[in-house]
Amino acid sequence: MNKLQQYRKKYNYSCQDMADKLNISKSFYWQIENCKRRLSYETALKIAKIFKVKPDNIFYEDYIKKQD
């Protein structure tokens, strides 16, 4: 989830900040960002809302890379 990390750093959010905003644990968020855990659609929408973008802006490229 390279793009997710880029967005997080652009907004100067720590993993803990994101976890707090999503109401999940820091380790759970870290696992999402590092492709250790699958991302639910609902969580993808919440993350996109935090950054005020569409989910595809963050997650689509990574999804396509996994399909190749």
Protein backbone atom coordinates (compact mmCIF):
# COMPACT_ATOMS: atom_id res chain seq x y z
CA MET A 1 0.00 0.00 0.00
CA ASN A 2 2.67 2.41 -1.04
CA LYS A 3 0.15 5.07 -2.07
CA LEU A 4 -1.60 4.85 1.30
CA GLN A 5 1.69 5.52 3.05
CA GLN A 6 2.34 8.46 0.71
CA TYR A 7 -1.03 10.02 1.56
CA ARG A 8 -0.48 9.47 5.28
CA LYS A 9 2.92 11.15 5.17
CA LYS A 10 1.63 13.99 2.98
CA TYR A 11 -0.90 14.81 5.69
CA ASN A 12 1.72 14.33 8.44
CA TYR A 13 -0.31 11.56 10.10
CA SER A 14 1.37 8.82 12.09
CA CYS A 15 0.12 5.24 12.00
CA GLN A 16 -1.37 5.93 15.42
CA ASP A 17 -3.20 9.01 14.09
CA MET A 18 -4.74 6.94 11.32
CA ALA A 19 -5.64 4.13 13.68
CA ASP A 20 -7.38 6.61 15.98
CA LYS A 21 -9.32 8.15 13.09
CA LEU A 22 -10.42 4.68 11.93
CA ASN A 23 -11.09 3.40 15.44
CA ILE A 24 -8.74 0.44 14.99
CA SER A 25 -5.46 -0.53 16.64
CA LYS A 26 -2.14 0.86 15.44
CA SER A 27 -0.91 -2.64 14.61
CA PHE A 28 -4.03 -3.35 12.55
CA TYR A 29 -3.51 -0.15 10.57
CA TRP A 30 0.18 -0.93 10.08
CA GLN A 31 -0.78 -4.36 8.73
CA ILE A 32 -3.16 -2.76 6.22
CA GLU A 33 -0.53 -0.29 5.07
CA ASN A 34 2.09 -3.03 4.68
CA CYS A 35 -0.18 -5.54 2.88
CA LYS A 36 -0.19 -7.96 5.80
CA ARG A 37 -3.96 -7.74 6.18
CA ARG A 38 -6.74 -7.40 3.64
CA LEU A 39 -8.62 -4.15 3.50
CA SER A 40 -12.41 -4.16 3.77
CA TYR A 41 -14.41 -1.96 1.45
CA GLU A 42 -15.82 -0.08 4.44
CA THR A 43 -12.33 0.68 5.77
CA ALA A 44 -11.19 1.77 2.29
CA LEU A 45 -14.07 4.23 2.19
CA LYS A 46 -13.20 5.57 5.65
CA ILE A 47 -9.56 6.04 4.67
CA ALA A 48 -10.52 7.81 1.43
CA LYS A 49 -12.85 10.09 3.37
CA ILE A 50 -10.00 11.11 5.71
CA PHE A 51 -7.94 12.22 2.70
CA LYS A 52 -10.97 13.61 0.82
CA VAL A 53 -10.36 11.49 -2.27
CA LYS A 54 -12.02 8.53 -3.97
CA PRO A 55 -10.82 5.09 -2.82
CA ASP A 56 -9.49 4.36 -6.32
CA ASN A 57 -7.03 7.25 -5.99
CA ILE A 58 -5.35 5.39 -3.13
CA PHE A 59 -5.92 1.69 -3.75
CA TYR A 60 -6.49 1.02 -7.46
CA GLU A 61 -2.83 0.91 -8.58
CA ASP A 62 -1.93 -1.56 -5.83
CA TYR A 63 -4.91 -3.72 -6.75
CA ILE A 64 -3.86 -3.84 -10.41
CA LYS A 65 -0.26 -4.71 -9.49
CA LYS A 66 -1.47 -7.68 -7.46
CA GLN A 67 -3.52 -8.94 -10.43
CA ASP A 68 -0.53 -9.01 -12.80
